[in-house]
Amino acid sequence: MSRSVWKGPFVDPSLIKKVEKMKEQSNKPPIKTWSRKSTIIPEFVGFSFLIHNGKKFIPIKISEEMVGHKLGEFSPTRQFSGHTPADKKAAQTAVAAPTGAAPGAPLKTPGAPGAPVAPTAPKPKEEKSNAKK
């Protein structure tokens, strides 16, 4: 559910104070903030922010297109580290498949031309008993 229109956008009061203070200065260092839920308002355009993502601060330069969005949208909290090695191995075997075979098609044995190979079931494991022999 979105915020009521009559309330206006939420901006952390301390963030507004920092921006007002920065307007007076000629040298504008980035504003450090933990308030990811604050909405970007037109007064923020042109300023640099350091937005905390839970681990480190992400530098963001506010532009006109960002107005109306939240600060947290521009500092992702999760980092994609790649797929697992098993996924990579499966992708390599799919690429190394025979050129004439379609993906998912049954394999053919050299002894019987055109005959599909039945899938082999794994051997059932022998159960170990605790009784003495």
Protein backbone atom coordinates (compact mmCIF):
# COMPACT_ATOMS: atom_id res chain seq x y z
CA MET A 1 0.00 0.00 0.00
CA SER A 2 1.36 3.40 -0.92
CA ARG A 3 1.59 6.49 1.24
CA SER A 4 -1.34 8.92 1.37
CA VAL A 5 -1.05 11.81 -1.08
CA TRP A 6 -2.06 14.40 1.51
CA LYS A 7 0.90 13.39 3.72
CA GLY A 8 3.48 13.99 0.99
CA PRO A 9 6.66 12.00 0.42
CA PHE A 10 8.62 10.76 3.44
CA VAL A 11 12.06 12.31 3.81
CA ASP A 12 14.09 11.88 6.98
CA PRO A 13 14.19 15.29 8.74
CA SER A 14 17.94 14.99 9.44
CA LEU A 15 18.51 14.41 5.71
CA ILE A 16 16.66 17.61 4.83
CA LYS A 17 18.79 19.53 7.36
CA LYS A 18 22.00 18.14 5.82
CA VAL A 19 20.91 19.13 2.30
CA GLU A 20 19.95 22.64 3.44
CA LYS A 21 23.35 23.02 5.10
CA MET A 22 25.12 21.78 1.93
CA LYS A 23 23.32 24.36 -0.27
CA GLU A 24 25.24 27.14 1.48
CA GLN A 25 28.65 25.53 0.86
CA SER A 26 30.58 25.76 -2.39
CA ASN A 27 32.45 22.47 -1.80
CA LYS A 28 29.83 19.70 -1.67
CA PRO A 29 31.14 16.44 -0.20
CA PRO A 30 28.77 13.43 -0.34
CA ILE A 31 26.05 13.20 2.32
CA LYS A 32 26.27 9.96 4.29
CA THR A 33 22.89 8.41 5.14
CA TRP A 34 21.35 5.24 6.50
CA SER A 35 17.82 6.34 5.57
CA ARG A 36 17.08 4.06 2.62
CA LYS A 37 13.33 4.65 2.99
CA SER A 38 13.59 8.39 2.25
CA THR A 39 12.06 9.57 -1.02
CA ILE A 40 14.21 11.59 -3.41
CA ILE A 41 12.78 15.11 -3.74
CA PRO A 42 13.71 17.80 -6.31
CA GLU A 43 15.92 19.59 -3.74
CA PHE A 44 18.30 16.58 -3.80
CA VAL A 45 19.10 16.88 -7.53
CA GLY A 46 22.81 17.52 -8.08
CA PHE A 47 23.91 16.28 -4.66
CA SER A 48 25.96 13.15 -3.98
CA PHE A 49 24.87 10.67 -1.35
CA LEU A 50 26.56 7.74 0.33
CA ILE A 51 23.73 5.26 0.93
CA HIS A 52 24.29 2.39 3.34
CA ASN A 53 23.36 -1.05 2.02
CA GLY A 54 23.85 -2.91 5.29
CA LYS A 55 27.56 -3.51 4.81
CA LYS A 56 29.10 -0.53 3.04
CA PHE A 57 28.19 2.87 1.65
CA ILE A 58 27.32 3.08 -2.05
CA PRO A 59 28.07 6.45 -3.74
CA ILE A 60 25.11 7.85 -5.72
CA LYS A 61 24.83 11.14 -7.68
CA ILE A 62 21.17 12.26 -7.76
CA SER A 63 19.77 13.14 -11.18
CA GLU A 64 16.42 14.47 -12.38
CA GLU A 65 15.13 10.98 -13.33
CA MET A 66 15.56 9.70 -9.75
CA VAL A 67 13.00 12.11 -8.24
CA GLY A 68 10.11 10.20 -6.66
CA HIS A 69 12.11 7.01 -6.07
CA LYS A 70 13.52 5.84 -2.74
CA LEU A 71 17.22 6.15 -1.89
CA GLY A 72 17.40 2.42 -1.14
CA GLU A 73 16.51 1.53 -4.73
CA PHE A 74 19.94 2.70 -5.88
CA SER A 75 22.08 0.74 -3.41
CA PRO A 76 21.47 -3.01 -3.79
CA THR A 77 21.76 -5.08 -0.63
CA ARG A 78 22.55 -8.40 -2.31
CA GLN A 79 25.45 -9.25 -4.58
CA PHE A 80 25.18 -12.03 -7.17
CA SER A 81 28.27 -14.22 -6.91
CA GLY A 82 27.54 -16.57 -9.81
CA HIS A 83 26.04 -19.98 -10.18
CA THR A 84 27.22 -23.10 -8.38
CA PRO A 85 29.86 -25.31 -10.00
CA ALA A 86 27.21 -28.04 -10.59
CA ASP A 87 25.23 -25.62 -12.79
CA LYS A 88 28.36 -24.75 -14.74
CA LYS A 89 29.15 -28.44 -15.28
CA ALA A 90 25.60 -29.13 -16.50
CA ALA A 91 25.87 -26.25 -18.95
CA GLN A 92 29.17 -27.60 -20.29
CA THR A 93 27.73 -31.10 -20.85
CA ALA A 94 24.73 -29.61 -22.67
CA VAL A 95 27.09 -27.77 -24.99
CA ALA A 96 29.22 -30.91 -25.52
CA ALA A 97 26.17 -33.02 -26.56
CA PRO A 98 26.30 -34.64 -30.03
CA THR A 99 25.45 -32.21 -32.81
CA GLY A 100 22.80 -34.42 -34.42
CA ALA A 101 20.87 -35.09 -31.21
CA ALA A 102 18.13 -32.76 -30.08
CA PRO A 103 18.09 -31.75 -26.40
CA GLY A 104 16.02 -34.23 -24.43
CA ALA A 105 16.01 -36.81 -27.24
CA PRO A 106 16.84 -40.42 -26.26
CA LEU A 107 20.36 -41.60 -27.02
CA LYS A 108 20.96 -44.34 -29.58
CA THR A 109 23.31 -47.28 -29.08
CA PRO A 110 25.84 -48.16 -31.74
CA GLY A 111 24.76 -51.83 -31.70
CA ALA A 112 21.11 -51.24 -32.48
CA PRO A 113 20.57 -48.48 -35.00
CA GLY A 114 17.52 -46.38 -34.23
CA ALA A 115 16.75 -48.16 -30.94
CA PRO A 116 16.39 -45.89 -27.89
CA VAL A 117 18.34 -46.74 -24.77
CA ALA A 118 16.27 -47.49 -21.67
CA PRO A 119 17.30 -45.47 -18.62
CA THR A 120 19.16 -47.55 -16.07
CA ALA A 121 17.86 -47.62 -12.55
CA PRO A 122 20.34 -47.30 -9.68
CA LYS A 123 21.20 -50.51 -7.82
CA PRO A 124 19.32 -50.85 -4.56
CA LYS A 125 21.64 -50.67 -1.56
CA GLU A 126 21.93 -53.62 0.74
CA GLU A 127 20.59 -52.96 4.17
CA LYS A 128 22.91 -53.52 7.07
CA SER A 129 21.46 -55.27 10.06
CA ASN A 130 22.64 -54.88 13.61
CA ALA A 131 22.07 -58.55 14.41
CA LYS A 132 25.12 -60.72 14.98
CA LYS A 133 25.73 -63.46 12.48
